[in-house]
């Protein structure tokens, strides 16, 4: 979902926010993987902006229930479902993945319709619509 914000022509502010989020996620994933893959995660962690001398001494990520947004999770799940279904139809019908298609979506309810409308640009980019 960050990809459209990083494409040429995207607003600079959106690209900066997307990069910051991706860096944060990568940092957390590397910290989570470190006990299982210490050498690879240390090498990768040293290549990204970080605080501290080594990942081995950095704090392990913790869960913060206050950051959970169930509505956002439902919206993302629906957007992902649309993109996956479009990609599956393309594969089943042997349609070139780079070819742009038109999609007519019928929402199952008003909330889903608002989500699709609000995220139409992102869905269109990821599904090549």
Protein backbone atom coordinates (compact mmCIF):
# COMPACT_ATOMS: atom_id res chain seq x y z
CA UNK A 1 0.00 0.00 0.00
CA UNK A 2 3.00 2.28 0.39
CA UNK A 3 4.07 1.70 -3.21
CA UNK A 4 1.74 4.31 -4.83
CA UNK A 5 3.04 6.92 -2.37
CA UNK A 6 6.62 6.21 -3.44
CA UNK A 7 6.06 6.40 -7.20
CA UNK A 8 7.38 9.39 -9.16
CA UNK A 9 4.91 12.25 -9.05
CA UNK A 10 3.53 11.38 -5.61
CA UNK A 11 3.37 14.30 -3.15
CA UNK A 12 6.69 14.64 -1.31
CA UNK A 13 5.00 14.71 2.09
CA UNK A 14 3.21 11.42 1.44
CA UNK A 15 6.43 9.81 0.22
CA UNK A 16 8.29 10.94 3.35
CA UNK A 17 5.58 9.54 5.62
CA UNK A 18 5.54 6.24 3.70
CA UNK A 19 9.33 5.93 4.00
CA UNK A 20 9.19 6.63 7.74
CA UNK A 21 6.51 3.99 8.26
CA UNK A 22 8.43 1.45 6.17
CA UNK A 23 11.62 2.16 8.15
CA UNK A 24 9.74 1.70 11.43
CA UNK A 25 8.20 -1.58 10.27
CA UNK A 26 11.54 -2.89 8.97
CA UNK A 27 13.22 -1.97 12.27
CA UNK A 28 10.53 -3.80 14.27
CA UNK A 29 10.64 -6.88 12.02
CA UNK A 30 14.42 -7.06 12.28
CA UNK A 31 14.21 -6.84 16.07
CA UNK A 32 11.58 -9.62 16.12
CA UNK A 33 13.67 -11.85 13.88
CA UNK A 34 16.97 -11.18 15.62
CA UNK A 35 16.80 -14.08 18.12
CA UNK A 36 16.28 -16.52 15.23
CA UNK A 37 18.52 -14.92 12.59
CA UNK A 38 21.09 -12.86 14.49
CA UNK A 39 23.76 -12.38 11.84
CA UNK A 40 21.47 -11.39 8.97
CA UNK A 41 19.33 -9.08 11.11
CA UNK A 42 22.39 -7.36 12.59
CA UNK A 43 23.84 -6.76 9.14
CA UNK A 44 20.56 -5.37 7.78
CA UNK A 45 19.90 -3.27 10.90
CA UNK A 46 23.31 -1.63 10.59
CA UNK A 47 22.37 -0.50 7.06
CA UNK A 48 19.24 1.42 8.11
CA UNK A 49 18.96 4.51 10.32
CA UNK A 50 18.94 3.29 13.94
CA UNK A 51 19.79 4.22 17.50
CA UNK A 52 22.32 2.27 19.46
CA UNK A 53 25.41 0.26 18.69
CA UNK A 54 23.87 -3.15 17.99
CA UNK A 55 20.45 -4.66 17.46
CA UNK A 56 21.26 -7.21 20.16
CA UNK A 57 21.09 -4.45 22.79
CA UNK A 58 18.03 -2.68 21.35
CA UNK A 59 14.62 -3.03 22.96
CA UNK A 60 12.44 -5.90 21.77
CA UNK A 61 9.16 -4.63 20.23
CA UNK A 62 6.15 -4.72 22.53
CA UNK A 63 2.45 -4.78 21.73
CA UNK A 64 0.52 -1.58 22.42
CA UNK A 65 -3.24 -2.28 22.41
CA UNK A 66 -3.88 1.47 22.11
CA UNK A 67 -2.44 1.43 18.59
CA UNK A 68 -4.87 -1.22 17.30
CA UNK A 69 -7.41 0.25 14.87
CA UNK A 70 -9.94 -2.44 14.03
CA UNK A 71 -11.76 -0.26 11.48
CA UNK A 72 -8.50 0.39 9.61
CA UNK A 73 -7.73 -3.34 9.69
CA UNK A 74 -11.14 -4.12 8.15
CA UNK A 75 -10.59 -1.48 5.46
CA UNK A 76 -7.13 -2.82 4.59
CA UNK A 77 -8.44 -6.40 4.51
CA UNK A 78 -11.18 -5.37 2.05
CA UNK A 79 -8.75 -3.44 -0.16
CA UNK A 80 -6.36 -6.41 -0.15
CA UNK A 81 -9.22 -8.76 -1.03
CA UNK A 82 -10.16 -6.64 -4.06
CA UNK A 83 -6.56 -6.46 -5.31
CA UNK A 84 -6.01 -10.21 -4.82
CA UNK A 85 -9.24 -11.10 -6.61
CA UNK A 86 -8.41 -8.87 -9.57
CA UNK A 87 -4.93 -10.40 -9.79
CA UNK A 88 -6.39 -13.92 -9.57
CA UNK A 89 -8.86 -13.22 -12.40
CA UNK A 90 -6.00 -11.87 -14.50
CA UNK A 91 -4.00 -15.04 -13.91
CA UNK A 92 -6.96 -17.35 -14.61
CA UNK A 93 -7.75 -15.56 -17.87
CA UNK A 94 -4.09 -15.12 -18.88
CA UNK A 95 -4.42 -11.33 -18.99
CA UNK A 96 -1.09 -9.48 -19.07
CA UNK A 97 -0.43 -8.21 -15.51
CA UNK A 98 0.72 -4.85 -16.90
CA UNK A 99 -2.43 -4.23 -18.91
CA UNK A 100 -4.75 -1.73 -17.29
CA UNK A 101 -8.34 -2.90 -16.89
CA UNK A 102 -11.61 -1.29 -15.93
CA UNK A 103 -13.32 -2.58 -12.80
CA UNK A 104 -16.92 -2.12 -11.78
CA UNK A 105 -17.26 -2.86 -8.08
CA UNK A 106 -20.54 -3.39 -6.29
CA UNK A 107 -20.10 -2.85 -2.56
CA UNK A 108 -21.85 -5.21 -0.17
CA UNK A 109 -22.85 -2.27 2.04
CA UNK A 110 -22.48 1.51 2.30
CA UNK A 111 -19.40 1.30 4.53
CA UNK A 112 -17.59 -0.92 2.05
CA UNK A 113 -18.60 1.45 -0.75
CA UNK A 114 -17.11 4.43 1.11
CA UNK A 115 -13.89 2.48 1.75
CA UNK A 116 -13.55 1.53 -1.92
CA UNK A 117 -14.20 5.10 -3.00
CA UNK A 118 -11.72 6.51 -0.47
CA UNK A 119 -9.02 4.03 -1.51
CA UNK A 120 -9.81 3.85 -5.23
CA UNK A 121 -6.47 5.31 -6.27
CA UNK A 122 -4.45 2.85 -4.20
CA UNK A 123 -6.57 -0.11 -5.35
CA UNK A 124 -6.30 0.99 -8.98
CA UNK A 125 -2.51 1.28 -8.74
CA UNK A 126 -2.00 -2.09 -7.05
CA UNK A 127 -4.50 -3.94 -9.26
CA UNK A 128 -3.42 -2.12 -12.45
CA UNK A 129 -6.90 -0.72 -13.10
